Protein backbone atom coordinates (compact mmCIF):
# COMPACT_ATOMS: atom_id res chain seq x y z
CA UNK A 1 11.81 3.41 3.61
CA UNK A 2 8.21 4.34 2.81
CA UNK A 3 6.52 2.06 0.28
CA UNK A 4 3.12 2.35 -1.39
CA UNK A 5 1.67 -0.96 -2.58
CA UNK A 6 -1.21 -0.68 -5.04
CA UNK A 7 -3.59 -3.59 -5.46
CA UNK A 8 -2.83 -4.41 -1.86
CA UNK A 9 -5.98 -6.46 -1.23
CA UNK A 10 -5.17 -8.85 -4.10
CA UNK A 11 -3.20 -12.07 -3.92
CA UNK A 12 0.14 -10.64 -5.07
CA UNK A 13 -0.22 -7.36 -3.17
CA UNK A 14 -1.15 -9.16 0.04
CA UNK A 15 1.83 -11.50 -0.17
CA UNK A 16 4.13 -8.59 -0.96
CA UNK A 17 2.93 -6.72 2.12
CA UNK A 18 3.60 -9.79 4.29
CA UNK A 19 7.11 -10.04 2.85
CA UNK A 20 7.81 -6.35 3.45
CA UNK A 21 6.57 -6.61 7.04
CA UNK A 22 8.82 -9.61 7.68
CA UNK A 23 11.80 -7.77 6.19
CA UNK A 24 11.26 -4.90 8.64
CA UNK A 25 12.30 -1.23 8.59
CA UNK A 26 9.62 -0.42 6.00
CA UNK A 27 6.59 1.83 6.44
CA UNK A 28 3.83 0.47 4.21
CA UNK A 29 0.87 2.29 2.71
CA UNK A 30 -1.63 -0.12 1.15
CA UNK A 31 -3.84 1.25 -1.64
CA UNK A 32 -6.92 -0.79 -2.43
CA UNK A 33 -10.45 -0.29 -3.72
CA UNK A 34 -11.67 -2.41 -0.79
CA UNK A 35 -11.77 -1.18 2.80
CA UNK A 36 -10.36 -3.76 5.17
CA UNK A 37 -8.41 -4.21 8.37
CA UNK A 38 -4.67 -4.16 7.74
CA UNK A 39 -1.94 -5.69 9.91
CA UNK A 40 -0.09 -3.49 12.36
CA UNK A 41 2.45 -1.39 10.51
CA UNK A 42 0.28 -0.96 7.41
CA UNK A 43 -1.58 2.26 6.64
CA UNK A 44 -4.62 1.51 4.49
CA UNK A 45 -5.90 3.87 1.77
CA UNK A 46 -9.12 3.21 -0.08
CA UNK A 47 -8.58 4.53 -3.60
CA UNK A 48 -8.92 3.54 -7.23
CA UNK A 49 -5.78 3.64 -9.37
CA UNK A 50 -7.90 4.95 -12.25
CA UNK A 51 -8.57 8.18 -10.30
CA UNK A 52 -5.37 10.27 -10.40
CA UNK A 53 -6.12 12.78 -7.63
CA UNK A 54 -6.44 10.37 -4.66
CA UNK A 55 -3.65 8.25 -6.10
CA UNK A 56 -1.33 11.27 -6.16
CA UNK A 57 -2.18 11.92 -2.50
CA UNK A 58 -1.41 8.27 -1.65
CA UNK A 59 2.01 8.63 -3.34
CA UNK A 60 2.95 11.70 -1.30
CA UNK A 61 5.95 11.02 0.92
CA UNK A 62 6.65 7.58 -0.52
CA UNK A 63 10.16 6.48 -1.49
CA UNK A 64 8.84 3.69 -3.74
CA UNK A 65 5.59 2.63 -5.38
CA UNK A 66 4.99 -1.02 -6.23
CA UNK A 67 2.15 -1.41 -8.71
């Protein structure tokens, strides 16, 4: 399953990503306004949820979006 997590650099988003990684069999795309190093298995996207064009690109190919 491919999952996009918005707000990924925040407290809740970060904990959610850890939980998804531990659960396994999930490809994670992390959307955040802050560029950072992500754990193995996480694809980072620097984008702002207020800007629809990059956000639409981040959603492409995802089975679920957690906002």
